[in-house]
PDB file of all heavy atoms in Angstrom:
ATOM      1  N   GLU A   1      -2.264  -6.144  10.061  1.00  0.00           N
ATOM      2  CA  GLU A   1      -0.828  -6.233   9.846  1.00  0.00           C
ATOM      3  C   GLU A   1      -0.494  -6.092   8.357  1.00  0.00           C
ATOM      4  O   GLU A   1      -0.161  -7.042   7.662  1.00  0.00           O
ATOM      5  CB  GLU A   1      -0.337  -7.580  10.398  1.00  0.00           C
ATOM      6  CG  GLU A   1       1.103  -7.904  10.212  1.00  0.00           C
ATOM      7  CD  GLU A   1       2.058  -6.997  10.982  1.00  0.00           C
ATOM      8  OE1 GLU A   1       1.657  -5.918  11.441  1.00  0.00           O
ATOM      9  OE2 GLU A   1       3.224  -7.374  11.105  1.00  0.00           O
ATOM     10  N   SER A   2      -0.589  -4.857   7.840  1.00  0.00           N
ATOM     11  CA  SER A   2      -0.321  -4.613   6.417  1.00  0.00           C
ATOM     12  C   SER A   2       0.030  -3.148   6.194  1.00  0.00           C
ATOM     13  O   SER A   2      -0.426  -2.512   5.254  1.00  0.00           O
ATOM     14  CB  SER A   2      -1.559  -4.999   5.586  1.00  0.00           C
ATOM     15  OG  SER A   2      -1.319  -4.874   4.204  1.00  0.00           O
ATOM     16  N   VAL A   3       0.878  -2.577   7.065  1.00  0.00           N
ATOM     17  CA  VAL A   3       1.232  -1.162   7.006  1.00  0.00           C
ATOM     18  C   VAL A   3       2.346  -0.956   5.981  1.00  0.00           C
ATOM     19  O   VAL A   3       3.275  -1.760   5.890  1.00  0.00           O
ATOM     20  CB  VAL A   3       1.689  -0.661   8.390  1.00  0.00           C
ATOM     21  CG1 VAL A   3       1.934   0.847   8.373  1.00  0.00           C
ATOM     22  CG2 VAL A   3       0.664  -1.025   9.454  1.00  0.00           C
ATOM     23  N   PHE A   4       2.256   0.120   5.200  1.00  0.00           N
ATOM     24  CA  PHE A   4       3.315   0.424   4.237  1.00  0.00           C
ATOM     25  C   PHE A   4       3.273   1.899   3.885  1.00  0.00           C
ATOM     26  O   PHE A   4       2.344   2.624   4.225  1.00  0.00           O
ATOM     27  CB  PHE A   4       3.175  -0.433   2.969  1.00  0.00           C
ATOM     28  CG  PHE A   4       1.965  -0.117   2.133  1.00  0.00           C
ATOM     29  CD1 PHE A   4       2.053   0.745   1.046  1.00  0.00           C
ATOM     30  CD2 PHE A   4       0.725  -0.676   2.422  1.00  0.00           C
ATOM     31  CE1 PHE A   4       0.935   1.037   0.266  1.00  0.00           C
ATOM     32  CE2 PHE A   4      -0.391  -0.389   1.659  1.00  0.00           C
ATOM     33  CZ  PHE A   4      -0.289   0.466   0.578  1.00  0.00           C
ATOM     34  N   ARG A   5       4.324   2.352   3.187  1.00  0.00           N
ATOM     35  CA  ARG A   5       4.405   3.733   2.726  1.00  0.00           C
ATOM     36  C   ARG A   5       4.179   3.783   1.216  1.00  0.00           C
ATOM     37  O   ARG A   5       4.788   3.017   0.459  1.00  0.00           O
ATOM     38  CB  ARG A   5       5.765   4.347   3.060  1.00  0.00           C
ATOM     39  CG  ARG A   5       5.804   5.869   2.865  1.00  0.00           C
ATOM     40  CD  ARG A   5       7.216   6.428   3.029  1.00  0.00           C
ATOM     41  NE  ARG A   5       7.750   6.234   4.357  1.00  0.00           N
ATOM     42  CZ  ARG A   5       7.545   7.048   5.383  1.00  0.00           C
ATOM     43  NH1 ARG A   5       6.764   8.116   5.224  1.00  0.00           N
ATOM     44  NH2 ARG A   5       8.095   6.811   6.562  1.00  0.00           N
ATOM     45  N   MET A   6       3.299   4.685   0.777  1.00  0.00           N
ATOM     46  CA  MET A   6       3.028   4.854  -0.644  1.00  0.00           C
ATOM     47  C   MET A   6       4.157   5.629  -1.311  1.00  0.00           C
ATOM     48  O   MET A   6       5.032   6.202  -0.649  1.00  0.00           O
ATOM     49  CB  MET A   6       1.689   5.575  -0.832  1.00  0.00           C
ATOM     50  CG  MET A   6       0.486   4.803  -0.317  1.00  0.00           C
ATOM     51  SD  MET A   6      -1.078   5.734  -0.419  1.00  0.00           S
ATOM     52  CE  MET A   6      -1.281   5.873  -2.197  1.00  0.00           C
ATOM     53  N   LYS A   7       4.130   5.669  -2.626  1.00  0.00           N
ATOM     54  CA  LYS A   7       5.169   6.351  -3.383  1.00  0.00           C
ATOM     55  C   LYS A   7       5.243   7.838  -3.067  1.00  0.00           C
ATOM     56  O   LYS A   7       6.316   8.450  -3.150  1.00  0.00           O
ATOM     57  CB  LYS A   7       4.934   6.155  -4.885  1.00  0.00           C
ATOM     58  CG  LYS A   7       5.053   4.710  -5.349  1.00  0.00           C
ATOM     59  CD  LYS A   7       4.723   4.583  -6.824  1.00  0.00           C
ATOM     60  CE  LYS A   7       4.796   3.148  -7.300  1.00  0.00           C
ATOM     61  NZ  LYS A   7       4.440   3.021  -8.743  1.00  0.00           N
ATOM     62  N   ASP A   8       4.113   8.450  -2.701  1.00  0.00           N
ATOM     63  CA  ASP A   8       4.104   9.880  -2.396  1.00  0.00           C
ATOM     64  C   ASP A   8       4.459  10.170  -0.944  1.00  0.00           C
ATOM     65  O   ASP A   8       4.393  11.323  -0.497  1.00  0.00           O
ATOM     66  CB  ASP A   8       2.746  10.501  -2.739  1.00  0.00           C
ATOM     67  CG  ASP A   8       1.609   9.971  -1.860  1.00  0.00           C
ATOM     68  OD1 ASP A   8       1.869   9.137  -0.965  1.00  0.00           O
ATOM     69  OD2 ASP A   8       0.460  10.403  -2.070  1.00  0.00           O
ATOM     70  N   GLY A   9       4.825   9.134  -0.184  1.00  0.00           N
ATOM     71  CA  GLY A   9       5.220   9.312   1.203  1.00  0.00           C
ATOM     72  C   GLY A   9       4.118   9.054   2.213  1.00  0.00           C
ATOM     73  O   GLY A   9       4.394   8.985   3.417  1.00  0.00           O
ATOM     74  N   SER A  10       2.882   8.930   1.778  1.00  0.00           N
ATOM     75  CA  SER A  10       1.779   8.674   2.704  1.00  0.00           C
ATOM     76  C   SER A  10       1.919   7.277   3.318  1.00  0.00           C
ATOM     77  O   SER A  10       2.315   6.325   2.652  1.00  0.00           O
ATOM     78  CB  SER A  10       0.435   8.769   1.984  1.00  0.00           C
ATOM     79  OG  SER A  10       0.253  10.037   1.405  1.00  0.00           O
ATOM     80  N   ILE A  11       1.576   7.181   4.600  1.00  0.00           N
ATOM     81  CA  ILE A  11       1.566   5.896   5.286  1.00  0.00           C
ATOM     82  C   ILE A  11       0.147   5.342   5.265  1.00  0.00           C
ATOM     83  O   ILE A  11      -0.819   6.066   5.520  1.00  0.00           O
ATOM     84  CB  ILE A  11       2.060   6.036   6.733  1.00  0.00           C
ATOM     85  CG1 ILE A  11       3.457   6.656   6.776  1.00  0.00           C
ATOM     86  CG2 ILE A  11       2.080   4.666   7.427  1.00  0.00           C
ATOM     87  CD1 ILE A  11       3.931   6.996   8.175  1.00  0.00           C
ATOM     88  N   VAL A  12       0.023   4.067   4.957  1.00  0.00           N
ATOM     89  CA  VAL A  12      -1.269   3.382   4.898  1.00  0.00           C
ATOM     90  C   VAL A  12      -1.373   2.424   6.074  1.00  0.00           C
ATOM     91  O   VAL A  12      -0.510   1.555   6.254  1.00  0.00           O
ATOM     92  CB  VAL A  12      -1.445   2.619   3.574  1.00  0.00           C
ATOM     93  CG1 VAL A  12      -2.765   1.858   3.567  1.00  0.00           C
ATOM     94  CG2 VAL A  12      -1.354   3.564   2.392  1.00  0.00           C
ATOM     95  N   LEU A  13      -2.412   2.589   6.887  1.00  0.00           N
ATOM     96  CA  LEU A  13      -2.696   1.691   8.003  1.00  0.00           C
ATOM     97  C   LEU A  13      -4.073   1.071   7.784  1.00  0.00           C
ATOM     98  O   LEU A  13      -5.091   1.737   7.962  1.00  0.00           O
ATOM     99  CB  LEU A  13      -2.671   2.448   9.331  1.00  0.00           C
ATOM    100  CG  LEU A  13      -3.205   1.690  10.556  1.00  0.00           C
ATOM    101  CD1 LEU A  13      -2.353   0.465  10.859  1.00  0.00           C
ATOM    102  CD2 LEU A  13      -3.278   2.606  11.772  1.00  0.00           C
ATOM    103  N   PRO A  14      -4.143  -0.202   7.368  1.00  0.00           N
ATOM    104  CA  PRO A  14      -5.448  -0.856   7.241  1.00  0.00           C
ATOM    105  C   PRO A  14      -6.038  -1.177   8.617  1.00  0.00           C
ATOM    106  O   PRO A  14      -5.307  -1.486   9.565  1.00  0.00           O
ATOM    107  CB  PRO A  14      -5.129  -2.142   6.471  1.00  0.00           C
ATOM    108  CG  PRO A  14      -3.776  -1.919   5.879  1.00  0.00           C
ATOM    109  CD  PRO A  14      -3.067  -1.034   6.849  1.00  0.00           C
ATOM    110  N   CYS A  15      -7.352  -1.107   8.722  1.00  0.00           N
ATOM    111  CA  CYS A  15      -8.070  -1.459   9.950  1.00  0.00           C
ATOM    112  C   CYS A  15      -9.392  -2.119   9.568  1.00  0.00           C
ATOM    113  O   CYS A  15     -10.054  -1.680   8.618  1.00  0.00           O
ATOM    114  CB  CYS A  15      -8.373  -0.221  10.797  1.00  0.00           C
ATOM    115  SG  CYS A  15      -6.943   0.551  11.584  1.00  0.00           S
ATOM    116  N   ASP A  16      -9.776  -3.132  10.313  1.00  0.00           N
ATOM    117  CA  ASP A  16     -11.074  -3.756  10.060  1.00  0.00           C
ATOM    118  C   ASP A  16     -12.189  -2.715  10.160  1.00  0.00           C
ATOM    119  O   ASP A  16     -12.210  -1.900  11.088  1.00  0.00           O
ATOM    120  CB  ASP A  16     -11.340  -4.871  11.059  1.00  0.00           C
ATOM    121  CG  ASP A  16     -10.642  -6.169  10.692  1.00  0.00           C
ATOM    122  OD1 ASP A  16     -10.013  -6.226   9.627  1.00  0.00           O
ATOM    123  OD2 ASP A  16     -10.721  -7.123  11.489  1.00  0.00           O
ATOM    124  N   ALA A  17     -13.117  -2.772   9.208  1.00  0.00           N
ATOM    125  CA  ALA A  17     -14.265  -1.856   9.203  1.00  0.00           C
ATOM    126  C   ALA A  17     -15.483  -2.480   9.848  1.00  0.00           C
ATOM    127  O   ALA A  17     -16.570  -1.915   9.808  1.00  0.00           O
ATOM    128  CB  ALA A  17     -14.591  -1.444   7.769  1.00  0.00           C
ATOM    129  N   SER A  18     -15.327  -3.649  10.435  1.00  0.00           N
ATOM    130  CA  SER A  18     -16.446  -4.373  11.028  1.00  0.00           C
ATOM    131  C   SER A  18     -15.920  -5.213  12.176  1.00  0.00           C
ATOM    132  O   SER A  18     -14.751  -5.626  12.170  1.00  0.00           O
ATOM    133  CB  SER A  18     -17.117  -5.264   9.985  1.00  0.00           C
ATOM    134  OG  SER A  18     -18.030  -6.168  10.571  1.00  0.00           O
ATOM    135  N   SER A  19     -16.756  -5.482  13.159  1.00  0.00           N
ATOM    136  CA  SER A  19     -16.375  -6.373  14.258  1.00  0.00           C
ATOM    137  C   SER A  19     -16.860  -7.795  14.016  1.00  0.00           C
ATOM    138  O   SER A  19     -16.708  -8.653  14.876  1.00  0.00           O
ATOM    139  CB  SER A  19     -16.954  -5.843  15.583  1.00  0.00           C
ATOM    140  OG  SER A  19     -18.367  -5.778  15.521  1.00  0.00           O
ATOM    141  N   ARG A  20     -17.428  -8.040  12.832  1.00  0.00           N
ATOM    142  CA  ARG A  20     -17.921  -9.366  12.478  1.00  0.00           C
ATOM    143  C   ARG A  20     -16.919 -10.083  11.566  1.00  0.00           C
ATOM    144  O   ARG A  20     -15.843  -9.569  11.292  1.00  0.00           O
ATOM    145  CB  ARG A  20     -19.271  -9.238  11.781  1.00  0.00           C
ATOM    146  CG  ARG A  20     -20.351  -8.560  12.644  1.00  0.00           C
ATOM    147  CD  ARG A  20     -21.584  -8.256  11.816  1.00  0.00           C
ATOM    148  NE  ARG A  20     -21.298  -7.305  10.749  1.00  0.00           N
ATOM    149  CZ  ARG A  20     -22.108  -7.050   9.736  1.00  0.00           C
ATOM    150  NH1 ARG A  20     -23.244  -7.724   9.618  1.00  0.00           N
ATOM    151  NH2 ARG A  20     -21.793  -6.157   8.829  1.00  0.00           N
ATOM    152  N   GLY A  21     -17.287 -11.257  11.092  1.00  0.00           N
ATOM    153  CA  GLY A  21     -16.412 -12.040  10.237  1.00  0.00           C
ATOM    154  C   GLY A  21     -16.409 -11.597   8.790  1.00  0.00           C
ATOM    155  O   GLY A  21     -15.804 -12.244   7.941  1.00  0.00           O
ATOM    156  N   HIS A  22     -17.116 -10.513   8.489  1.00  0.00           N
ATOM    157  CA  HIS A  22     -17.141  -9.929   7.154  1.00  0.00           C
ATOM    158  C   HIS A  22     -17.466  -8.455   7.332  1.00  0.00           C
ATOM    159  O   HIS A  22     -17.702  -7.989   8.450  1.00  0.00           O
ATOM    160  CB  HIS A  22     -18.190 -10.625   6.268  1.00  0.00           C
ATOM    161  CG  HIS A  22     -19.575 -10.563   6.840  1.00  0.00           C
ATOM    162  ND1 HIS A  22     -20.455  -9.533   6.602  1.00  0.00           N
ATOM    163  CD2 HIS A  22     -20.223 -11.402   7.698  1.00  0.00           C
ATOM    164  CE1 HIS A  22     -21.585  -9.742   7.246  1.00  0.00           C
ATOM    165  NE2 HIS A  22     -21.474 -10.878   7.930  1.00  0.00           N
ATOM    166  N   GLY A  23     -17.473  -7.699   6.255  1.00  0.00           N
ATOM    167  CA  GLY A  23     -17.845  -6.293   6.375  1.00  0.00           C
ATOM    168  C   GLY A  23     -16.784  -5.322   5.933  1.00  0.00           C
ATOM    169  O   GLY A  23     -17.014  -4.110   5.932  1.00  0.00           O
ATOM    170  N   GLY A  24     -15.611  -5.828   5.544  1.00  0.00           N
ATOM    171  CA  GLY A  24     -14.660  -4.961   4.886  1.00  0.00           C
ATOM    172  C   GLY A  24     -13.535  -4.446   5.758  1.00  0.00           C
ATOM    173  O   GLY A  24     -13.531  -4.559   6.981  1.00  0.00           O
ATOM    174  N   THR A  25     -12.545  -3.866   5.066  1.00  0.00           N
ATOM    175  CA  THR A  25     -11.362  -3.276   5.683  1.00  0.00           C
ATOM    176  C   THR A  25     -11.247  -1.824   5.244  1.00  0.00           C
ATOM    177  O   THR A  25     -11.297  -1.530   4.051  1.00  0.00           O
ATOM    178  CB  THR A  25     -10.081  -4.036   5.278  1.00  0.00           C
ATOM    179  OG1 THR A  25     -10.182  -5.401   5.697  1.00  0.00           O
ATOM    180  CG2 THR A  25      -8.845  -3.407   5.893  1.00  0.00           C
ATOM    181  N   ALA A  26     -11.106  -0.927   6.212  1.00  0.00           N
ATOM    182  CA  ALA A  26     -10.865   0.486   5.933  1.00  0.00           C
ATOM    183  C   ALA A  26      -9.365   0.730   5.883  1.00  0.00           C
ATOM    184  O   ALA A  26      -8.568  -0.095   6.350  1.00  0.00           O
ATOM    185  CB  ALA A  26     -11.498   1.353   7.012  1.00  0.00           C
ATOM    186  N   ILE A  27      -8.962   1.861   5.321  1.00  0.00           N
ATOM    187  CA  ILE A  27      -7.574   2.286   5.461  1.00  0.00           C
ATOM    188  C   ILE A  27      -7.555   3.677   6.087  1.00  0.00           C
ATOM    189  O   ILE A  27      -8.501   4.456   5.940  1.00  0.00           O
ATOM    190  CB  ILE A  27      -6.806   2.292   4.117  1.00  0.00           C
ATOM    191  CG1 ILE A  27      -7.367   3.352   3.163  1.00  0.00           C
ATOM    192  CG2 ILE A  27      -6.795   0.920   3.481  1.00  0.00           C
ATOM    193  CD1 ILE A  27      -6.438   3.641   1.993  1.00  0.00           C
ATOM    194  N   HIS A  28      -6.491   3.950   6.799  1.00  0.00           N
ATOM    195  CA  HIS A  28      -6.240   5.281   7.345  1.00  0.00           C
ATOM    196  C   HIS A  28      -4.931   5.780   6.741  1.00  0.00           C
ATOM    197  O   HIS A  28      -3.989   4.999   6.557  1.00  0.00           O
ATOM    198  CB  HIS A  28      -6.161   5.236   8.864  1.00  0.00           C
ATOM    199  CG  HIS A  28      -7.428   4.772   9.512  1.00  0.00           C
ATOM    200  ND1 HIS A  28      -8.401   5.627   9.960  1.00  0.00           N
ATOM    201  CD2 HIS A  28      -7.900   3.527   9.754  1.00  0.00           C
ATOM    202  CE1 HIS A  28      -9.399   4.953  10.472  1.00  0.00           C
ATOM    203  NE2 HIS A  28      -9.126   3.659  10.348  1.00  0.00           N
ATOM    204  N   LEU A  29      -4.877   7.059   6.431  1.00  0.00           N
ATOM    205  CA  LEU A  29      -3.727   7.642   5.748  1.00  0.00           C
ATOM    206  C   LEU A  29      -3.098   8.726   6.608  1.00  0.00           C
ATOM    207  O   LEU A  29      -3.796   9.523   7.244  1.00  0.00           O
ATOM    208  CB  LEU A  29      -4.146   8.247   4.409  1.00  0.00           C
ATOM    209  CG  LEU A  29      -4.733   7.304   3.354  1.00  0.00           C
ATOM    210  CD1 LEU A  29      -5.223   8.100   2.154  1.00  0.00           C
ATOM    211  CD2 LEU A  29      -3.701   6.275   2.926  1.00  0.00           C
ATOM    212  N   SER A  30      -1.774   8.771   6.603  1.00  0.00           N
ATOM    213  CA  SER A  30      -1.036   9.864   7.228  1.00  0.00           C
ATOM    214  C   SER A  30      -0.088  10.462   6.205  1.00  0.00           C
ATOM    215  O   SER A  30       0.710   9.740   5.586  1.00  0.00           O
ATOM    216  CB  SER A  30      -0.234   9.374   8.437  1.00  0.00           C
ATOM    217  OG  SER A  30       0.564  10.428   8.958  1.00  0.00           O
ATOM    218  N   THR A  31      -0.176  11.769   6.012  1.00  0.00           N
ATOM    219  CA  THR A  31       0.711  12.463   5.072  1.00  0.00           C
ATOM    220  C   THR A  31       1.802  13.239   5.796  1.00  0.00           C
ATOM    221  O   THR A  31       2.576  13.950   5.161  1.00  0.00           O
ATOM    222  CB  THR A  31      -0.102  13.436   4.191  1.00  0.00           C
ATOM    223  OG1 THR A  31      -0.782  14.379   5.036  1.00  0.00           O
ATOM    224  CG2 THR A  31      -1.122  12.684   3.355  1.00  0.00           C
ATOM    225  N   ASP A  32       1.859  13.133   7.141  1.00  0.00           N
ATOM    226  CA  ASP A  32       2.878  13.856   7.913  1.00  0.00           C
ATOM    227  C   ASP A  32       3.669  12.905   8.804  1.00  0.00           C
ATOM    228  O   ASP A  32       3.960  13.192   9.950  1.00  0.00           O
ATOM    229  CB  ASP A  32       2.241  14.974   8.749  1.00  0.00           C
ATOM    230  CG  ASP A  32       1.112  14.466   9.650  1.00  0.00           C
ATOM    231  OD1 ASP A  32       0.933  13.234   9.759  1.00  0.00           O
ATOM    232  OD2 ASP A  32       0.415  15.304  10.238  1.00  0.00           O
ATOM    233  N   ASN A  33       3.998  11.754   8.224  1.00  0.00           N
ATOM    234  CA  ASN A  33       4.855  10.762   8.884  1.00  0.00           C
ATOM    235  C   ASN A  33       4.270  10.247  10.191  1.00  0.00           C
ATOM    236  O   ASN A  33       4.988  10.008  11.170  1.00  0.00           O
ATOM    237  CB  ASN A  33       6.258  11.326   9.131  1.00  0.00           C
ATOM    238  CG  ASN A  33       7.321  10.232   9.150  1.00  0.00           C
ATOM    239  OD1 ASN A  33       7.247   9.256   8.403  1.00  0.00           O
ATOM    240  ND2 ASN A  33       8.307  10.382  10.013  1.00  0.00           N
ATOM    241  N   GLY A  34       2.942  10.071  10.213  1.00  0.00           N
ATOM    242  CA  GLY A  34       2.296   9.424  11.339  1.00  0.00           C
ATOM    243  C   GLY A  34       1.798  10.337  12.429  1.00  0.00           C
ATOM    244  O   GLY A  34       1.270   9.860  13.440  1.00  0.00           O
ATOM    245  N   GLN A  35       1.927  11.653  12.244  1.00  0.00           N
ATOM    246  CA  GLN A  35       1.460  12.566  13.295  1.00  0.00           C
ATOM    247  C   GLN A  35      -0.065  12.657  13.309  1.00  0.00           C
ATOM    248  O   GLN A  35      -0.687  12.634  14.369  1.00  0.00           O
ATOM    249  CB  GLN A  35       2.075  13.953  13.096  1.00  0.00           C
ATOM    250  CG  GLN A  35       3.580  13.978  13.287  1.00  0.00           C
ATOM    251  CD  GLN A  35       3.990  13.434  14.653  1.00  0.00           C
ATOM    252  OE1 GLN A  35       3.546  13.927  15.695  1.00  0.00           O
ATOM    253  NE2 GLN A  35       4.830  12.414  14.653  1.00  0.00           N
ATOM    254  N   THR A  36      -0.689  12.790  12.155  1.00  0.00           N
ATOM    255  CA  THR A  36      -2.145  12.865  12.062  1.00  0.00           C
ATOM    256  C   THR A  36      -2.623  11.864  11.015  1.00  0.00           C
ATOM    257  O   THR A  36      -1.885  11.513  10.086  1.00  0.00           O
ATOM    258  CB  THR A  36      -2.628  14.277  11.695  1.00  0.00           C
ATOM    259  OG1 THR A  36      -2.081  14.641  10.408  1.00  0.00           O
ATOM    260  CG2 THR A  36      -2.182  15.292  12.743  1.00  0.00           C
ATOM    261  N   TRP A  37      -3.890  11.453  11.157  1.00  0.00           N
ATOM    262  CA  TRP A  37      -4.431  10.400  10.306  1.00  0.00           C
ATOM    263  C   TRP A  37      -5.833  10.768   9.834  1.00  0.00           C
ATOM    264  O   TRP A  37      -6.591  11.418  10.559  1.00  0.00           O
ATOM    265  CB  TRP A  37      -4.482   9.075  11.074  1.00  0.00           C
ATOM    266  CG  TRP A  37      -3.116   8.570  11.425  1.00  0.00           C
ATOM    267  CD1 TRP A  37      -2.337   8.979  12.475  1.00  0.00           C
ATOM    268  CD2 TRP A  37      -2.356   7.588  10.722  1.00  0.00           C
ATOM    269  NE1 TRP A  37      -1.138   8.310  12.470  1.00  0.00           N
ATOM    270  CE2 TRP A  37      -1.129   7.439  11.403  1.00  0.00           C
ATOM    271  CE3 TRP A  37      -2.603   6.810   9.586  1.00  0.00           C
ATOM    272  CZ2 TRP A  37      -0.145   6.548  10.986  1.00  0.00           C
ATOM    273  CZ3 TRP A  37      -1.637   5.918   9.173  1.00  0.00           C
ATOM    274  CH2 TRP A  37      -0.421   5.799   9.866  1.00  0.00           C
ATOM    275  N   THR A  38      -6.175  10.330   8.626  1.00  0.00           N
ATOM    276  CA  THR A  38      -7.507  10.542   8.080  1.00  0.00           C
ATOM    277  C   THR A  38      -8.054   9.225   7.552  1.00  0.00           C
ATOM    278  O   THR A  38      -7.301   8.344   7.119  1.00  0.00           O
ATOM    279  CB  THR A  38      -7.504  11.570   6.935  1.00  0.00           C
ATOM    280  OG1 THR A  38      -6.616  11.113   5.891  1.00  0.00           O
ATOM    281  CG2 THR A  38      -7.034  12.932   7.435  1.00  0.00           C
ATOM    282  N   ASP A  39      -9.363   9.095   7.595  1.00  0.00           N
ATOM    283  CA  ASP A  39     -10.070   7.927   7.081  1.00  0.00           C
ATOM    284  C   ASP A  39     -10.777   8.345   5.797  1.00  0.00           C
ATOM    285  O   ASP A  39     -11.709   9.144   5.849  1.00  0.00           O
ATOM    286  CB  ASP A  39     -11.079   7.443   8.117  1.00  0.00           C
ATOM    287  CG  ASP A  39     -11.843   6.199   7.687  1.00  0.00           C
ATOM    288  OD1 ASP A  39     -11.792   5.849   6.494  1.00  0.00           O
ATOM    289  OD2 ASP A  39     -12.501   5.585   8.554  1.00  0.00           O
ATOM    290  N   PRO A  40     -10.347   7.840   4.620  1.00  0.00           N
ATOM    291  CA  PRO A  40     -10.985   8.245   3.355  1.00  0.00           C
ATOM    292  C   PRO A  40     -12.464   7.875   3.274  1.00  0.00           C
ATOM    293  O   PRO A  40     -13.199   8.447   2.458  1.00  0.00           O
ATOM    294  CB  PRO A  40     -10.170   7.508   2.293  1.00  0.00           C
ATOM    295  CG  PRO A  40      -8.881   7.161   2.959  1.00  0.00           C
ATOM    296  CD  PRO A  40      -9.211   6.942   4.392  1.00  0.00           C
ATOM    297  N   GLY A  41     -12.895   6.869   4.053  1.00  0.00           N
ATOM    298  CA  GLY A  41     -14.311   6.550   4.104  1.00  0.00           C
ATOM    299  C   GLY A  41     -14.736   5.283   3.404  1.00  0.00           C
ATOM    300  O   GLY A  41     -15.824   4.762   3.670  1.00  0.00           O
ATOM    301  N   GLY A  42     -13.933   4.747   2.493  1.00  0.00           N
ATOM    302  CA  GLY A  42     -14.309   3.527   1.782  1.00  0.00           C
ATOM    303  C   GLY A  42     -13.845   2.281   2.514  1.00  0.00           C
ATOM    304  O   GLY A  42     -13.285   2.337   3.614  1.00  0.00           O
ATOM    305  N   LYS A  43     -14.084   1.140   1.890  1.00  0.00           N
ATOM    306  CA  LYS A  43     -13.597  -0.112   2.459  1.00  0.00           C
ATOM    307  C   LYS A  43     -13.469  -1.152   1.362  1.00  0.00           C
ATOM    308  O   LYS A  43     -14.309  -1.248   0.467  1.00  0.00           O
ATOM    309  CB  LYS A  43     -14.502  -0.609   3.574  1.00  0.00           C
ATOM    310  CG  LYS A  43     -15.951  -0.841   3.187  1.00  0.00           C
ATOM    311  CD  LYS A  43     -16.780  -1.245   4.394  1.00  0.00           C
ATOM    312  CE  LYS A  43     -18.237  -1.487   4.000  1.00  0.00           C
ATOM    313  NZ  LYS A  43     -19.060  -1.878   5.167  1.00  0.00           N
ATOM    314  N   LEU A  44     -12.384  -1.912   1.420  1.00  0.00           N
ATOM    315  CA  LEU A  44     -12.225  -3.029   0.495  1.00  0.00           C
ATOM    316  C   LEU A  44     -12.978  -4.219   1.044  1.00  0.00           C
ATOM    317  O   LEU A  44     -13.276  -4.293   2.245  1.00  0.00           O
ATOM    318  CB  LEU A  44     -10.752  -3.344   0.257  1.00  0.00           C
ATOM    319  CG  LEU A  44      -9.883  -3.815   1.423  1.00  0.00           C
ATOM    320  CD1 LEU A  44      -9.855  -5.325   1.522  1.00  0.00           C
ATOM    321  CD2 LEU A  44      -8.471  -3.284   1.281  1.00  0.00           C
ATOM    322  N   ALA A  45     -13.315  -5.162   0.182  1.00  0.00           N
ATOM    323  CA  ALA A  45     -14.136  -6.310   0.577  1.00  0.00           C
ATOM    324  C   ALA A  45     -13.341  -7.242   1.482  1.00  0.00           C
ATOM    325  O   ALA A  45     -12.192  -7.572   1.200  1.00  0.00           O
ATOM    326  CB  ALA A  45     -14.621  -7.055  -0.654  1.00  0.00           C
TER     327      ALA A  45
END
């Protein structure tokens, strides 16, 4: 629950990168107002 729009219009959707109690959070990005999404590949702690 942390969705927002970046200054360049991209939508950011965070998603857990692990099914355990640790392991990081990934983000998914949409540059076409939510029609398609990409996973940059990293994860925050």
